[in-house]
PDB file of N, CA and C in Angstrom:
ATOM      1  N   MET A   1      -2.586   7.336  20.057  1.00  0.00           N
ATOM      2  CA  MET A   1      -3.441   6.290  19.561  1.00  0.00           C
ATOM      3  C   MET A   1      -3.785   6.585  18.109  1.00  0.00           C
ATOM      4  N   ILE A   2      -3.702   5.586  17.273  1.00  0.00           N
ATOM      5  CA  ILE A   2      -4.043   5.711  15.862  1.00  0.00           C
ATOM      6  C   ILE A   2      -5.287   4.879  15.606  1.00  0.00           C
ATOM      7  N   LEU A   3      -6.244   5.471  14.912  1.00  0.00           N
ATOM      8  CA  LEU A   3      -7.488   4.794  14.617  1.00  0.00           C
ATOM      9  C   LEU A   3      -7.593   4.592  13.114  1.00  0.00           C
ATOM     10  N   TYR A   4      -7.564   3.346  12.687  1.00  0.00           N
ATOM     11  CA  TYR A   4      -7.686   3.013  11.279  1.00  0.00           C
ATOM     12  C   TYR A   4      -9.126   2.598  11.005  1.00  0.00           C
ATOM     13  N   THR A   5      -9.828   3.366  10.190  1.00  0.00           N
ATOM     14  CA  THR A   5     -11.220   3.050   9.902  1.00  0.00           C
ATOM     15  C   THR A   5     -11.632   3.668   8.566  1.00  0.00           C
ATOM     16  N   ILE A   6     -12.668   3.099   7.977  1.00  0.00           N
ATOM     17  CA  ILE A   6     -13.207   3.675   6.746  1.00  0.00           C
ATOM     18  C   ILE A   6     -14.427   4.547   7.046  1.00  0.00           C
ATOM     19  N   MET A   7     -14.821   4.590   8.314  1.00  0.00           N
ATOM     20  CA  MET A   7     -15.978   5.386   8.715  1.00  0.00           C
ATOM     21  C   MET A   7     -15.628   6.872   8.679  1.00  0.00           C
ATOM     22  N   PRO A   8     -16.596   7.746   8.315  1.00  0.00           N
ATOM     23  CA  PRO A   8     -16.321   9.186   8.350  1.00  0.00           C
ATOM     24  C   PRO A   8     -16.071   9.663   9.781  1.00  0.00           C
ATOM     25  N   LEU A   9     -15.260  10.686   9.903  1.00  0.00           N
ATOM     26  CA  LEU A   9     -14.921  11.207  11.234  1.00  0.00           C
ATOM     27  C   LEU A   9     -16.154  11.665  12.000  1.00  0.00           C
ATOM     28  N   GLU A  10     -17.179  12.171  11.290  1.00  0.00           N
ATOM     29  CA  GLU A  10     -18.391  12.645  11.957  1.00  0.00           C
ATOM     30  C   GLU A  10     -19.129  11.508  12.652  1.00  0.00           C
ATOM     31  N   SER A  11     -18.980  10.286  12.149  1.00  0.00           N
ATOM     32  CA  SER A  11     -19.631   9.133  12.771  1.00  0.00           C
ATOM     33  C   SER A  11     -18.926   8.721  14.051  1.00  0.00           C
ATOM     34  N   ILE A  12     -17.627   8.915  14.099  1.00  0.00           N
ATOM     35  CA  ILE A  12     -16.842   8.506  15.259  1.00  0.00           C
ATOM     36  C   ILE A  12     -16.793   9.617  16.301  1.00  0.00           C
ATOM     37  N   TYR A  13     -16.555  10.841  15.850  1.00  0.00           N
ATOM     38  CA  TYR A  13     -16.492  12.003  16.730  1.00  0.00           C
ATOM     39  C   TYR A  13     -17.622  12.953  16.337  1.00  0.00           C
ATOM     40  N   PRO A  14     -18.782  12.857  16.982  1.00  0.00           N
ATOM     41  CA  PRO A  14     -19.911  13.699  16.585  1.00  0.00           C
ATOM     42  C   PRO A  14     -19.594  15.193  16.764  1.00  0.00           C
ATOM     43  N   VAL A  15     -20.097  15.983  15.836  1.00  0.00           N
ATOM     44  CA  VAL A  15     -19.864  17.421  15.838  1.00  0.00           C
ATOM     45  C   VAL A  15     -20.960  18.095  16.645  1.00  0.00           C
ATOM     46  N   ASP A  16     -20.577  19.063  17.460  1.00  0.00           N
ATOM     47  CA  ASP A  16     -21.539  19.831  18.234  1.00  0.00           C
ATOM     48  C   ASP A  16     -22.228  20.829  17.312  1.00  0.00           C
ATOM     49  N   GLN A  17     -23.538  20.749  17.202  1.00  0.00           N
ATOM     50  CA  GLN A  17     -24.292  21.600  16.278  1.00  0.00           C
ATOM     51  C   GLN A  17     -24.286  23.066  16.698  1.00  0.00           C
ATOM     52  N   LYS A  18     -23.935  23.377  17.937  1.00  0.00           N
ATOM     53  CA  LYS A  18     -23.868  24.773  18.396  1.00  0.00           C
ATOM     54  C   LYS A  18     -22.783  25.556  17.660  1.00  0.00           C
ATOM     55  N   GLU A  19     -21.762  24.842  17.149  1.00  0.00           N
ATOM     56  CA  GLU A  19     -20.687  25.507  16.424  1.00  0.00           C
ATOM     57  C   GLU A  19     -21.189  26.120  15.114  1.00  0.00           C
ATOM     58  N   TYR A  20     -22.253  25.556  14.561  1.00  0.00           N
ATOM     59  CA  TYR A  20     -22.762  26.011  13.275  1.00  0.00           C
ATOM     60  C   TYR A  20     -23.914  27.007  13.403  1.00  0.00           C
ATOM     61  N   ALA A  21     -24.348  27.308  14.606  1.00  0.00           N
ATOM     62  CA  ALA A  21     -25.506  28.185  14.808  1.00  0.00           C
ATOM     63  C   ALA A  21     -25.247  29.608  14.325  1.00  0.00           C
ATOM     64  N   SER A  22     -24.021  30.077  14.412  1.00  0.00           N
ATOM     65  CA  SER A  22     -23.722  31.459  14.027  1.00  0.00           C
ATOM     66  C   SER A  22     -23.224  31.586  12.590  1.00  0.00           C
ATOM     67  N   GLN A  23     -23.153  30.473  11.854  1.00  0.00           N
ATOM     68  CA  GLN A  23     -22.677  30.518  10.474  1.00  0.00           C
ATOM     69  C   GLN A  23     -23.827  30.732   9.504  1.00  0.00           C
ATOM     70  N   GLN A  24     -23.522  31.440   8.413  1.00  0.00           N
ATOM     71  CA  GLN A  24     -24.523  31.676   7.375  1.00  0.00           C
ATOM     72  C   GLN A  24     -23.834  31.905   6.041  1.00  0.00           C
ATOM     73  N   PHE A  25     -24.570  31.621   4.958  1.00  0.00           N
ATOM     74  CA  PHE A  25     -24.072  31.920   3.624  1.00  0.00           C
ATOM     75  C   PHE A  25     -24.494  33.333   3.261  1.00  0.00           C
ATOM     76  N   MET A  26     -23.590  34.070   2.647  1.00  0.00           N
ATOM     77  CA  MET A  26     -23.913  35.420   2.198  1.00  0.00           C
ATOM     78  C   MET A  26     -23.081  35.760   0.975  1.00  0.00           C
ATOM     79  N   GLU A  27     -23.482  36.796   0.279  1.00  0.00           N
ATOM     80  CA  GLU A  27     -22.733  37.287  -0.868  1.00  0.00           C
ATOM     81  C   GLU A  27     -22.224  38.680  -0.505  1.00  0.00           C
ATOM     82  N   TYR A  28     -20.913  38.851  -0.550  1.00  0.00           N
ATOM     83  CA  TYR A  28     -20.274  40.113  -0.173  1.00  0.00           C
ATOM     84  C   TYR A  28     -19.475  40.616  -1.369  1.00  0.00           C
ATOM     85  N   ASN A  29     -19.864  41.752  -1.899  1.00  0.00           N
ATOM     86  CA  ASN A  29     -19.235  42.324  -3.104  1.00  0.00           C
ATOM     87  C   ASN A  29     -19.215  41.334  -4.264  1.00  0.00           C
ATOM     88  N   GLY A  30     -20.296  40.561  -4.407  1.00  0.00           N
ATOM     89  CA  GLY A  30     -20.404  39.615  -5.504  1.00  0.00           C
ATOM     90  C   GLY A  30     -19.689  38.303  -5.281  1.00  0.00           C
ATOM     91  N   VAL A  31     -19.152  38.079  -4.080  1.00  0.00           N
ATOM     92  CA  VAL A  31     -18.417  36.857  -3.776  1.00  0.00           C
ATOM     93  C   VAL A  31     -19.240  36.025  -2.797  1.00  0.00           C
ATOM     94  N   PRO A  32     -19.724  34.839  -3.201  1.00  0.00           N
ATOM     95  CA  PRO A  32     -20.468  33.990  -2.265  1.00  0.00           C
ATOM     96  C   PRO A  32     -19.522  33.346  -1.262  1.00  0.00           C
ATOM     97  N   MET A  33     -19.910  33.379   0.020  1.00  0.00           N
ATOM     98  CA  MET A  33     -19.040  32.844   1.060  1.00  0.00           C
ATOM     99  C   MET A  33     -19.841  32.390   2.272  1.00  0.00           C
ATOM    100  N   LEU A  34     -19.224  31.517   3.046  1.00  0.00           N
ATOM    101  CA  LEU A  34     -19.761  31.079   4.322  1.00  0.00           C
ATOM    102  C   LEU A  34     -19.055  31.891   5.391  1.00  0.00           C
ATOM    103  N   VAL A  35     -19.824  32.574   6.226  1.00  0.00           N
ATOM    104  CA  VAL A  35     -19.237  33.441   7.242  1.00  0.00           C
ATOM    105  C   VAL A  35     -19.742  33.047   8.621  1.00  0.00           C
ATOM    106  N   ASP A  36     -18.998  33.466   9.625  1.00  0.00           N
ATOM    107  CA  ASP A  36     -19.345  33.220  11.016  1.00  0.00           C
ATOM    108  C   ASP A  36     -19.504  34.564  11.692  1.00  0.00           C
ATOM    109  N   SER A  37     -20.638  34.793  12.325  1.00  0.00           N
ATOM    110  CA  SER A  37     -20.898  36.064  12.991  1.00  0.00           C
ATOM    111  C   SER A  37     -20.016  36.179  14.229  1.00  0.00           C
ATOM    112  N   VAL A  38     -19.303  37.296  14.342  1.00  0.00           N
ATOM    113  CA  VAL A  38     -18.459  37.524  15.513  1.00  0.00           C
ATOM    114  C   VAL A  38     -18.959  38.694  16.332  1.00  0.00           C
ATOM    115  N   GLY A  39     -20.136  39.196  15.990  1.00  0.00           N
ATOM    116  CA  GLY A  39     -20.751  40.260  16.778  1.00  0.00           C
ATOM    117  C   GLY A  39     -21.082  41.484  15.952  1.00  0.00           C
ATOM    118  N   GLY A  40     -22.307  41.943  16.105  1.00  0.00           N
ATOM    119  CA  GLY A  40     -22.739  43.150  15.402  1.00  0.00           C
ATOM    120  C   GLY A  40     -22.710  42.983  13.895  1.00  0.00           C
ATOM    121  N   THR A  41     -21.959  43.847  13.238  1.00  0.00           N
ATOM    122  CA  THR A  41     -21.860  43.803  11.778  1.00  0.00           C
ATOM    123  C   THR A  41     -20.563  43.152  11.312  1.00  0.00           C
ATOM    124  N   ALA A  42     -19.822  42.540  12.225  1.00  0.00           N
ATOM    125  CA  ALA A  42     -18.545  41.907  11.877  1.00  0.00           C
ATOM    126  C   ALA A  42     -18.748  40.418  11.625  1.00  0.00           C
ATOM    127  N   PHE A  43     -18.096  39.921  10.569  1.00  0.00           N
ATOM    128  CA  PHE A  43     -18.162  38.514  10.201  1.00  0.00           C
ATOM    129  C   PHE A  43     -16.756  38.021   9.894  1.00  0.00           C
ATOM    130  N   GLU A  44     -16.506  36.741  10.166  1.00  0.00           N
ATOM    131  CA  GLU A  44     -15.240  36.113   9.821  1.00  0.00           C
ATOM    132  C   GLU A  44     -15.510  35.113   8.707  1.00  0.00           C
ATOM    133  N   ILE A  45     -14.732  35.173   7.643  1.00  0.00           N
ATOM    134  CA  ILE A  45     -14.912  34.288   6.501  1.00  0.00           C
ATOM    135  C   ILE A  45     -14.446  32.887   6.872  1.00  0.00           C
ATOM    136  N   ARG A  46     -15.316  31.904   6.674  1.00  0.00           N
ATOM    137  CA  ARG A  46     -14.973  30.499   6.902  1.00  0.00           C
ATOM    138  C   ARG A  46     -14.612  29.804   5.601  1.00  0.00           C
ATOM    139  N   ARG A  47     -15.382  30.082   4.531  1.00  0.00           N
ATOM    140  CA  ARG A  47     -15.171  29.399   3.261  1.00  0.00           C
ATOM    141  C   ARG A  47     -15.645  30.296   2.131  1.00  0.00           C
ATOM    142  N   ILE A  48     -14.893  30.335   1.049  1.00  0.00           N
ATOM    143  CA  ILE A  48     -15.296  31.052  -0.152  1.00  0.00           C
ATOM    144  C   ILE A  48     -15.899  30.017  -1.099  1.00  0.00           C
ATOM    145  N   VAL A  49     -17.124  30.281  -1.552  1.00  0.00           N
ATOM    146  CA  VAL A  49     -17.853  29.323  -2.382  1.00  0.00           C
ATOM    147  C   VAL A  49     -17.890  29.877  -3.801  1.00  0.00           C
ATOM    148  N   SER A  50     -16.768  29.800  -4.483  1.00  0.00           N
ATOM    149  CA  SER A  50     -16.654  30.367  -5.821  1.00  0.00           C
ATOM    150  C   SER A  50     -15.603  29.600  -6.610  1.00  0.00           C
ATOM    151  N   THR A  51     -15.754  29.629  -7.927  1.00  0.00           N
ATOM    152  CA  THR A  51     -14.750  29.023  -8.795  1.00  0.00           C
ATOM    153  C   THR A  51     -13.886  30.077  -9.481  1.00  0.00           C
ATOM    154  N   ASP A  52     -14.137  31.339  -9.191  1.00  0.00           N
ATOM    155  CA  ASP A  52     -13.381  32.433  -9.794  1.00  0.00           C
ATOM    156  C   ASP A  52     -12.091  32.668  -8.988  1.00  0.00           C
ATOM    157  N   PRO A  53     -10.916  32.486  -9.590  1.00  0.00           N
ATOM    158  CA  PRO A  53      -9.655  32.678  -8.858  1.00  0.00           C
ATOM    159  C   PRO A  53      -9.476  34.103  -8.332  1.00  0.00           C
ATOM    160  N   GLU A  54     -10.079  35.069  -8.977  1.00  0.00           N
ATOM    161  CA  GLU A  54      -9.960  36.464  -8.532  1.00  0.00           C
ATOM    162  C   GLU A  54     -10.578  36.657  -7.137  1.00  0.00           C
ATOM    163  N   HIS A  55     -11.608  35.897  -6.829  1.00  0.00           N
ATOM    164  CA  HIS A  55     -12.242  36.011  -5.511  1.00  0.00           C
ATOM    165  C   HIS A  55     -11.286  35.568  -4.404  1.00  0.00           C
ATOM    166  N   TYR A  56     -10.442  34.593  -4.698  1.00  0.00           N
ATOM    167  CA  TYR A  56      -9.479  34.106  -3.713  1.00  0.00           C
ATOM    168  C   TYR A  56      -8.304  35.067  -3.550  1.00  0.00           C
ATOM    169  N   MET A  57      -8.118  35.960  -4.511  1.00  0.00           N
ATOM    170  CA  MET A  57      -7.079  36.982  -4.388  1.00  0.00           C
ATOM    171  C   MET A  57      -7.565  38.136  -3.506  1.00  0.00           C
ATOM    172  N   GLN A  58      -8.878  38.357  -3.470  1.00  0.00           N
ATOM    173  CA  GLN A  58      -9.446  39.455  -2.692  1.00  0.00           C
ATOM    174  C   GLN A  58      -9.707  39.070  -1.241  1.00  0.00           C
ATOM    175  N   TYR A  59     -10.198  37.848  -1.024  1.00  0.00           N
ATOM    176  CA  TYR A  59     -10.614  37.420   0.310  1.00  0.00           C
ATOM    177  C   TYR A  59      -9.997  36.069   0.638  1.00  0.00           C
ATOM    178  N   SER A  60      -9.862  35.801   1.945  1.00  0.00           N
ATOM    179  CA  SER A  60      -9.312  34.522   2.372  1.00  0.00           C
ATOM    180  C   SER A  60     -10.001  34.091   3.667  1.00  0.00           C
ATOM    181  N   PRO A  61     -10.077  32.789   3.916  1.00  0.00           N
ATOM    182  CA  PRO A  61     -10.665  32.316   5.172  1.00  0.00           C
ATOM    183  C   PRO A  61      -9.898  32.864   6.374  1.00  0.00           C
ATOM    184  N   GLY A  62     -10.652  33.278   7.386  1.00  0.00           N
ATOM    185  CA  GLY A  62     -10.057  33.877   8.566  1.00  0.00           C
ATOM    186  C   GLY A  62     -10.085  35.391   8.537  1.00  0.00           C
ATOM    187  N   GLN A  63     -10.280  35.954   7.362  1.00  0.00           N
ATOM    188  CA  GLN A  63     -10.337  37.409   7.220  1.00  0.00           C
ATOM    189  C   GLN A  63     -11.661  37.913   7.776  1.00  0.00           C
ATOM    190  N   ARG A  64     -11.634  39.060   8.449  1.00  0.00           N
ATOM    191  CA  ARG A  64     -12.855  39.655   8.996  1.00  0.00           C
ATOM    192  C   ARG A  64     -13.346  40.757   8.075  1.00  0.00           C
ATOM    193  N   ILE A  65     -14.661  40.792   7.897  1.00  0.00           N
ATOM    194  CA  ILE A  65     -15.290  41.813   7.063  1.00  0.00           C
ATOM    195  C   ILE A  65     -16.393  42.484   7.853  1.00  0.00           C
ATOM    196  N   LEU A  66     -16.698  43.721   7.500  1.00  0.00           N
ATOM    197  CA  LEU A  66     -17.782  44.467   8.119  1.00  0.00           C
ATOM    198  C   LEU A  66     -18.886  44.629   7.086  1.00  0.00           C
ATOM    199  N   VAL A  67     -20.111  44.311   7.477  1.00  0.00           N
ATOM    200  CA  VAL A  67     -21.259  44.417   6.586  1.00  0.00           C
ATOM    201  C   VAL A  67     -22.221  45.421   7.194  1.00  0.00           C
ATOM    202  N   PHE A  68     -22.479  46.488   6.449  1.00  0.00           N
ATOM    203  CA  PHE A  68     -23.405  47.517   6.912  1.00  0.00           C
ATOM    204  C   PHE A  68     -24.724  47.373   6.161  1.00  0.00           C
ATOM    205  N   PRO A  69     -25.853  47.425   6.852  1.00  0.00           N
ATOM    206  CA  PRO A  69     -27.134  47.326   6.158  1.00  0.00           C
ATOM    207  C   PRO A  69     -27.339  48.507   5.218  1.00  0.00           C
ATOM    208  N   SER A  70     -27.910  48.244   4.043  1.00  0.00           N
ATOM    209  CA  SER A  70     -28.103  49.319   3.072  1.00  0.00           C
ATOM    210  C   SER A  70     -29.459  49.957   3.177  1.00  0.00           C
TER     211      SER A  70
END
């Protein structure tokens, strides 16, 4: 089935807000990013929020990082 519409997808297929409960913005090694908690100190990168191309060479969405409290 093909649906032709000018309406945003969120209006037609509502998003479950539980998917966003574990996401947070953080800065890791000077790189601002949106991460998803996968347990303990482990996070999975969802989005890099930067205009610096070097940040995209270091990190990529889907990559897991460990954050230790200082």
